[in-house]
Protein backbone atom coordinates (compact mmCIF):
# COMPACT_ATOMS: atom_id res chain seq x y z
CA UNK A 1 83.83 106.40 107.63
CA UNK A 2 83.81 110.15 108.43
CA UNK A 3 86.47 112.06 110.19
CA UNK A 4 84.64 112.01 113.52
CA UNK A 5 84.23 108.18 113.34
CA UNK A 6 87.92 107.81 112.39
CA UNK A 7 89.05 109.95 115.41
CA UNK A 8 86.72 108.08 117.73
CA UNK A 9 87.98 104.68 116.64
CA UNK A 10 91.59 105.87 117.07
CA UNK A 11 90.95 107.08 120.60
CA UNK A 12 89.14 103.94 121.69
CA UNK A 13 91.76 101.50 120.15
CA UNK A 14 94.68 103.40 121.42
CA UNK A 15 93.31 103.65 124.90
CA UNK A 16 92.78 99.91 124.84
CA UNK A 17 96.35 99.13 123.79
CA UNK A 18 97.87 101.60 126.18
CA UNK A 19 95.76 100.34 129.10
CA UNK A 20 96.29 96.62 128.52
CA UNK A 21 99.88 96.35 129.81
CA UNK A 22 99.74 93.02 131.51
CA UNK A 23 99.92 90.93 128.39
CA UNK A 24 102.94 92.22 126.63
CA UNK A 25 104.63 88.99 125.36
CA UNK A 26 104.33 87.41 121.98
CA UNK A 27 102.32 88.81 119.20
CA UNK A 28 100.13 90.98 121.30
CA UNK A 29 103.06 92.56 122.75
CA UNK A 30 104.35 93.43 119.37
CA UNK A 31 100.97 94.83 118.38
CA UNK A 32 101.02 97.01 121.45
CA UNK A 33 104.50 98.29 120.80
CA UNK A 34 103.61 99.07 117.24
CA UNK A 35 100.46 101.02 118.23
CA UNK A 36 102.37 102.91 120.94
CA UNK A 37 105.23 103.73 118.64
CA UNK A 38 103.10 104.27 115.44
CA UNK A 39 103.56 108.12 115.42
CA UNK A 40 107.27 107.41 114.74
CA UNK A 41 106.95 104.20 112.80
CA UNK A 42 104.05 105.14 110.57
CA UNK A 43 103.72 108.90 110.58
CA UNK A 44 101.84 109.08 107.31
CA UNK A 45 98.95 107.18 108.89
CA UNK A 46 98.14 108.88 112.18
CA UNK A 47 94.82 107.15 112.87
CA UNK A 48 94.32 103.53 114.08
CA UNK A 49 90.98 102.34 112.82
CA UNK A 50 90.81 98.61 113.10
CA UNK A 51 92.23 95.68 114.95
CA UNK A 52 91.80 91.94 114.14
CA UNK A 53 89.57 92.68 111.08
CA UNK A 54 87.91 89.83 109.15
CA UNK A 55 88.81 89.89 105.50
CA UNK A 56 85.29 88.62 104.79
CA UNK A 57 82.77 89.65 107.47
CA UNK A 58 81.49 86.56 109.40
CA UNK A 59 84.11 84.33 107.85
CA UNK A 60 87.17 84.18 110.14
CA UNK A 61 88.26 81.11 108.22
CA UNK A 62 89.07 83.50 105.26
CA UNK A 63 91.69 85.25 107.43
CA UNK A 64 92.06 88.13 109.87
CA UNK A 65 94.26 91.17 109.28
CA UNK A 66 95.94 92.67 112.32
CA UNK A 67 95.88 96.48 112.23
CA UNK A 68 94.50 99.10 109.81
CA UNK A 69 95.67 102.72 109.95
CA UNK A 70 94.52 105.66 107.83
CA UNK A 71 95.58 109.22 107.04
CA UNK A 72 91.96 110.25 107.25
CA UNK A 73 91.79 111.10 103.45
CA UNK A 74 91.31 107.77 101.84
CA UNK A 75 94.71 106.28 102.22
CA UNK A 76 95.15 103.20 104.38
CA UNK A 77 97.91 100.99 105.78
CA UNK A 78 97.22 97.27 106.45
CA UNK A 79 99.86 96.07 108.95
CA UNK A 80 100.37 92.38 109.71
CA UNK A 81 102.09 91.69 113.01
CA UNK A 82 103.90 88.38 113.62
CA UNK A 83 105.96 86.95 116.50
CA UNK A 84 108.44 84.79 114.81
CA UNK A 85 109.93 81.77 116.57
CA UNK A 86 113.42 82.46 115.18
CA UNK A 87 114.90 78.99 115.77
CA UNK A 88 114.31 79.18 119.51
CA UNK A 89 112.84 75.61 119.52
CA UNK A 90 114.47 72.23 119.85
CA UNK A 91 114.50 71.44 116.15
CA UNK A 92 116.93 74.34 115.58
CA UNK A 93 119.61 72.80 117.87
CA UNK A 94 122.57 71.63 115.91
CA UNK A 95 121.58 73.48 112.71
CA UNK A 96 124.32 75.34 110.94
CA UNK A 97 124.19 79.11 110.77
CA UNK A 98 123.28 79.22 107.06
CA UNK A 99 120.41 76.69 107.57
CA UNK A 100 119.02 78.81 110.45
CA UNK A 101 119.33 81.99 108.26
CA UNK A 102 117.43 80.34 105.34
CA UNK A 103 114.77 79.11 107.59
CA UNK A 104 114.34 82.62 109.27
CA UNK A 105 114.36 84.29 105.77
CA UNK A 106 111.54 81.92 104.64
CA UNK A 107 109.48 82.85 107.75
CA UNK A 108 109.97 86.71 107.00
CA UNK A 109 108.99 86.11 103.36
CA UNK A 110 105.81 84.34 104.50
CA UNK A 111 104.87 87.33 106.74
CA UNK A 112 105.56 89.76 103.86
CA UNK A 113 103.38 87.71 101.59
CA UNK A 114 100.59 87.63 104.04
CA UNK A 115 100.79 91.42 104.49
CA UNK A 116 100.44 91.84 100.71
CA UNK A 117 97.49 89.43 100.60
CA UNK A 118 95.66 91.20 103.49
CA UNK A 119 96.24 94.65 101.93
CA UNK A 120 94.70 93.37 98.69
CA UNK A 121 91.73 92.06 100.60
CA UNK A 122 91.37 95.32 102.44
CA UNK A 123 91.61 97.20 99.06
CA UNK A 124 88.67 95.18 97.75
CA UNK A 125 86.70 95.67 100.97
CA UNK A 126 87.23 99.45 101.04
CA UNK A 127 86.20 99.94 97.39
CA UNK A 128 86.95 103.54 96.71
CA UNK A 129 90.05 103.90 98.94
CA UNK A 130 92.59 106.21 97.32
CA UNK A 131 95.35 103.65 98.26
CA UNK A 132 96.12 100.66 100.67
CA UNK A 133 99.70 99.87 101.40
CA UNK A 134 101.01 96.72 103.01
CA UNK A 135 103.39 96.64 106.03
CA UNK A 136 104.57 94.11 108.46
CA UNK A 137 106.10 94.22 111.85
CA UNK A 138 108.05 91.28 113.48
CA UNK A 139 110.20 90.68 116.59
CA UNK A 140 113.31 90.67 114.50
CA UNK A 141 115.31 93.29 112.66
CA UNK A 142 115.26 95.73 115.49
CA UNK A 143 111.49 95.86 115.40
CA UNK A 144 111.41 98.15 112.35
CA UNK A 145 108.20 98.47 110.47
CA UNK A 146 108.74 97.23 106.91
CA UNK A 147 106.75 97.99 103.76
CA UNK A 148 105.86 94.86 101.84
CA UNK A 149 107.11 95.14 98.28
CA UNK A 150 104.26 94.79 95.73
């Protein structure tokens, strides 16, 4: 992908997310928020180049990553976005605080693991990329973008 392609993809994707403001709940709302706030949250990767990418083209069953950003110079950030149901359902009623915290921690770890997995798949797909870092963004923790530890 050359610089012109990168800039074009960024403009199209950002316009899509900015303009689609009627569906801002759940995971899509989080993705939109991340894209609109990406200059602050992900300043080292100013270009958005993919949304809902297939880990293996034509094989959605192999997984879909959420967002891919780049610096335009061979460095990429694979970002997994998840809306976590943080014990808002009926099964959480009556659980003790420590049980709820443990359950929520497991959910966050799963998202972090998925971010690492998708970053590895993107690295393989982009044979020749200088680097691919894994990040995740959820509806908890003040909506801060977090880097997945490798």
